[in-house]
Amino acid sequence: MTYTYKTKGTCSTNIELEVEDGIVRNIAFWGGCNGNLQGLSRLVAGMPVKEVISRLEGIRCGGRPTSCPDQLCKALHEMGY
């Protein structure tokens, strides 16, 4: 299932992700720190959703209360995980 999430409080504006049978298959961030987000996307591809959430949820960026990894977790929760 492909899903597009509008981020809140980050430099990236959207996250497009594909999850199949509880496994993250593909992620693309729109905007943000290109190199870091490509790296993050490649690292979590093939990882179970629950593991992604347990590792990344709550990460903050600078003084912000959220981050791109945290927003990814919010997107996964919104998808029902």
N, C-alpha and C. Protein backbone atom coordinates (compact mmCIF):
# COMPACT_ATOMS: atom_id res chain seq x y z
N MET A 1 0.85 -1.17 0.00
CA MET A 1 0.00 0.00 0.00
C MET A 1 0.90 1.24 0.00
N THR A 2 0.69 2.14 -0.94
CA THR A 2 1.44 3.39 -1.00
C THR A 2 0.64 4.48 -0.31
N TYR A 3 1.32 5.30 0.46
CA TYR A 3 0.67 6.32 1.27
C TYR A 3 1.50 7.60 1.22
N THR A 4 0.85 8.74 1.18
CA THR A 4 1.54 10.03 1.23
C THR A 4 1.11 10.75 2.50
N TYR A 5 2.10 11.17 3.27
CA TYR A 5 1.87 11.84 4.55
C TYR A 5 2.42 13.26 4.48
N LYS A 6 1.63 14.24 4.90
CA LYS A 6 2.08 15.63 4.96
C LYS A 6 2.72 15.85 6.31
N THR A 7 4.02 16.15 6.31
CA THR A 7 4.76 16.32 7.55
C THR A 7 4.40 17.64 8.23
N LYS A 8 4.70 17.70 9.52
CA LYS A 8 4.44 18.90 10.32
C LYS A 8 5.69 19.20 11.15
N GLY A 9 6.22 20.41 11.03
CA GLY A 9 7.33 20.83 11.87
C GLY A 9 8.71 20.42 11.40
N THR A 10 8.83 20.02 10.12
CA THR A 10 10.13 19.62 9.58
C THR A 10 10.39 20.34 8.27
N CYS A 11 11.64 20.27 7.82
CA CYS A 11 12.01 20.87 6.54
C CYS A 11 11.39 20.10 5.37
N SER A 12 11.29 18.78 5.51
CA SER A 12 10.61 18.01 4.46
C SER A 12 9.12 18.33 4.53
N THR A 13 8.45 18.23 3.40
CA THR A 13 7.03 18.59 3.36
C THR A 13 6.11 17.39 3.28
N ASN A 14 6.60 16.30 2.70
CA ASN A 14 5.79 15.09 2.54
C ASN A 14 6.68 13.87 2.64
N ILE A 15 6.06 12.75 2.99
CA ILE A 15 6.73 11.45 2.94
C ILE A 15 5.82 10.53 2.13
N GLU A 16 6.39 9.93 1.12
CA GLU A 16 5.66 8.94 0.33
C GLU A 16 6.24 7.58 0.70
N LEU A 17 5.40 6.68 1.19
CA LEU A 17 5.92 5.40 1.62
C LEU A 17 5.04 4.25 1.17
N GLU A 18 5.69 3.12 1.04
CA GLU A 18 5.01 1.90 0.64
C GLU A 18 5.32 0.84 1.70
N VAL A 19 4.25 0.25 2.25
CA VAL A 19 4.37 -0.80 3.25
C VAL A 19 3.61 -2.01 2.74
N GLU A 20 4.23 -3.17 2.86
CA GLU A 20 3.60 -4.41 2.39
C GLU A 20 3.80 -5.48 3.46
N ASP A 21 2.70 -6.03 3.95
CA ASP A 21 2.74 -7.09 4.97
C ASP A 21 3.57 -6.68 6.19
N GLY A 22 3.42 -5.43 6.63
CA GLY A 22 4.12 -4.95 7.82
C GLY A 22 5.59 -4.64 7.62
N ILE A 23 6.06 -4.64 6.37
CA ILE A 23 7.44 -4.35 6.04
C ILE A 23 7.50 -3.06 5.22
N VAL A 24 8.41 -2.16 5.59
CA VAL A 24 8.60 -0.93 4.83
C VAL A 24 9.32 -1.31 3.53
N ARG A 25 8.73 -0.99 2.40
CA ARG A 25 9.31 -1.35 1.11
C ARG A 25 10.03 -0.18 0.44
N ASN A 26 9.45 1.00 0.52
CA ASN A 26 10.02 2.14 -0.20
C ASN A 26 9.59 3.42 0.50
N ILE A 27 10.52 4.39 0.58
CA ILE A 27 10.22 5.68 1.20
C ILE A 27 10.86 6.77 0.36
N ALA A 28 10.15 7.88 0.18
CA ALA A 28 10.71 9.06 -0.48
C ALA A 28 10.26 10.28 0.32
N PHE A 29 11.21 11.10 0.74
CA PHE A 29 10.92 12.36 1.42
C PHE A 29 10.96 13.47 0.39
N TRP A 30 10.04 14.43 0.49
CA TRP A 30 10.02 15.59 -0.38
C TRP A 30 10.62 16.74 0.40
N GLY A 31 11.71 17.30 -0.08
CA GLY A 31 12.38 18.39 0.61
C GLY A 31 13.25 17.85 1.74
N GLY A 32 13.72 18.74 2.58
CA GLY A 32 14.55 18.33 3.70
C GLY A 32 16.00 18.13 3.30
N CYS A 33 16.76 17.49 4.16
CA CYS A 33 18.19 17.24 3.96
C CYS A 33 18.35 16.02 3.06
N ASN A 34 18.55 16.24 1.80
CA ASN A 34 18.50 15.19 0.79
C ASN A 34 19.37 13.98 1.11
N GLY A 35 20.64 14.19 1.40
CA GLY A 35 21.54 13.06 1.66
C GLY A 35 21.13 12.26 2.88
N ASN A 36 20.82 12.95 3.97
CA ASN A 36 20.41 12.26 5.19
C ASN A 36 19.12 11.48 4.98
N LEU A 37 18.19 12.06 4.27
CA LEU A 37 16.90 11.38 4.09
C LEU A 37 17.00 10.22 3.11
N GLN A 38 17.89 10.32 2.13
CA GLN A 38 18.14 9.16 1.26
C GLN A 38 18.74 8.02 2.08
N GLY A 39 19.68 8.37 2.96
CA GLY A 39 20.29 7.36 3.82
C GLY A 39 19.27 6.72 4.74
N LEU A 40 18.44 7.53 5.37
CA LEU A 40 17.40 7.01 6.24
C LEU A 40 16.46 6.09 5.47
N SER A 41 16.07 6.51 4.28
CA SER A 41 15.15 5.71 3.45
C SER A 41 15.75 4.35 3.12
N ARG A 42 17.03 4.32 2.78
CA ARG A 42 17.68 3.06 2.43
C ARG A 42 17.87 2.16 3.65
N LEU A 43 18.13 2.78 4.80
CA LEU A 43 18.33 1.98 6.01
C LEU A 43 17.06 1.27 6.47
N VAL A 44 15.91 1.93 6.35
CA VAL A 44 14.68 1.32 6.85
C VAL A 44 13.97 0.46 5.80
N ALA A 45 14.37 0.55 4.55
CA ALA A 45 13.75 -0.30 3.51
C ALA A 45 14.00 -1.77 3.86
N GLY A 46 12.94 -2.55 3.89
CA GLY A 46 13.03 -3.96 4.23
C GLY A 46 12.87 -4.25 5.71
N MET A 47 12.74 -3.21 6.51
CA MET A 47 12.64 -3.36 7.96
C MET A 47 11.17 -3.47 8.38
N PRO A 48 10.86 -4.29 9.38
CA PRO A 48 9.49 -4.33 9.89
C PRO A 48 9.08 -2.97 10.46
N VAL A 49 7.83 -2.61 10.23
CA VAL A 49 7.30 -1.32 10.69
C VAL A 49 7.52 -1.14 12.19
N LYS A 50 7.25 -2.17 12.98
CA LYS A 50 7.39 -2.06 14.44
C LYS A 50 8.82 -1.72 14.83
N GLU A 51 9.79 -2.26 14.12
CA GLU A 51 11.19 -1.96 14.42
C GLU A 51 11.54 -0.52 14.06
N VAL A 52 11.03 -0.06 12.92
CA VAL A 52 11.25 1.34 12.51
C VAL A 52 10.72 2.26 13.60
N ILE A 53 9.51 2.01 14.05
CA ILE A 53 8.89 2.86 15.07
C ILE A 53 9.69 2.80 16.37
N SER A 54 10.10 1.61 16.79
CA SER A 54 10.83 1.50 18.06
C SER A 54 12.18 2.20 18.01
N ARG A 55 12.80 2.28 16.85
CA ARG A 55 14.11 2.91 16.74
C ARG A 55 14.05 4.42 16.52
N LEU A 56 13.02 4.90 15.83
CA LEU A 56 13.02 6.29 15.37
C LEU A 56 12.02 7.22 16.05
N GLU A 57 11.01 6.68 16.69
CA GLU A 57 9.98 7.52 17.28
C GLU A 57 10.55 8.38 18.40
N GLY A 58 10.21 9.66 18.37
CA GLY A 58 10.62 10.59 19.42
C GLY A 58 11.92 11.32 19.15
N ILE A 59 12.60 11.02 18.05
CA ILE A 59 13.83 11.74 17.71
C ILE A 59 13.47 13.20 17.41
N ARG A 60 14.28 14.10 17.95
CA ARG A 60 14.06 15.52 17.74
C ARG A 60 15.15 16.08 16.84
N CYS A 61 14.87 17.18 16.17
CA CYS A 61 15.84 17.84 15.30
C CYS A 61 16.10 19.22 15.86
N GLY A 62 17.31 19.42 16.39
CA GLY A 62 17.62 20.71 16.99
C GLY A 62 16.66 21.02 18.12
N GLY A 63 16.11 22.21 18.11
CA GLY A 63 15.15 22.61 19.14
C GLY A 63 13.71 22.25 18.81
N ARG A 64 13.51 21.59 17.69
CA ARG A 64 12.15 21.23 17.29
C ARG A 64 11.66 20.03 18.09
N PRO A 65 10.35 19.93 18.29
CA PRO A 65 9.82 18.79 19.04
C PRO A 65 9.69 17.51 18.20
N THR A 66 10.08 17.57 16.94
CA THR A 66 9.96 16.42 16.04
C THR A 66 11.14 16.43 15.08
N SER A 67 11.15 15.46 14.16
CA SER A 67 12.20 15.34 13.15
C SER A 67 11.62 14.55 11.98
N CYS A 68 12.38 14.44 10.91
CA CYS A 68 11.92 13.62 9.79
C CYS A 68 11.75 12.15 10.18
N PRO A 69 12.68 11.55 10.95
CA PRO A 69 12.45 10.18 11.39
C PRO A 69 11.20 10.05 12.26
N ASP A 70 10.97 11.02 13.14
CA ASP A 70 9.78 10.99 13.99
C ASP A 70 8.51 11.14 13.15
N GLN A 71 8.57 12.00 12.13
CA GLN A 71 7.42 12.18 11.25
C GLN A 71 7.13 10.90 10.46
N LEU A 72 8.16 10.16 10.10
CA LEU A 72 7.97 8.86 9.45
C LEU A 72 7.17 7.95 10.36
N CYS A 73 7.49 7.94 11.65
CA CYS A 73 6.74 7.12 12.61
C CYS A 73 5.29 7.57 12.71
N LYS A 74 5.08 8.88 12.70
CA LYS A 74 3.70 9.39 12.73
C LYS A 74 2.93 8.94 11.49
N ALA A 75 3.59 8.93 10.35
CA ALA A 75 2.95 8.46 9.12
C ALA A 75 2.58 6.99 9.25
N LEU A 76 3.48 6.19 9.80
CA LEU A 76 3.21 4.76 9.97
C LEU A 76 2.06 4.54 10.93
N HIS A 77 1.98 5.33 12.01
CA HIS A 77 0.86 5.24 12.94
C HIS A 77 -0.44 5.62 12.23
N GLU A 78 -0.39 6.67 11.43
CA GLU A 78 -1.59 7.10 10.70
C GLU A 78 -2.07 6.01 9.73
N MET A 79 -1.13 5.22 9.26
CA MET A 79 -1.48 4.10 8.36
C MET A 79 -2.08 2.91 9.12
N GLY A 80 -2.05 2.99 10.45
CA GLY A 80 -2.66 1.92 11.25
C GLY A 80 -1.66 1.00 11.94
N TYR A 81 -0.41 1.40 11.95
CA TYR A 81 0.62 0.57 12.60
C TYR A 81 0.96 1.13 13.97
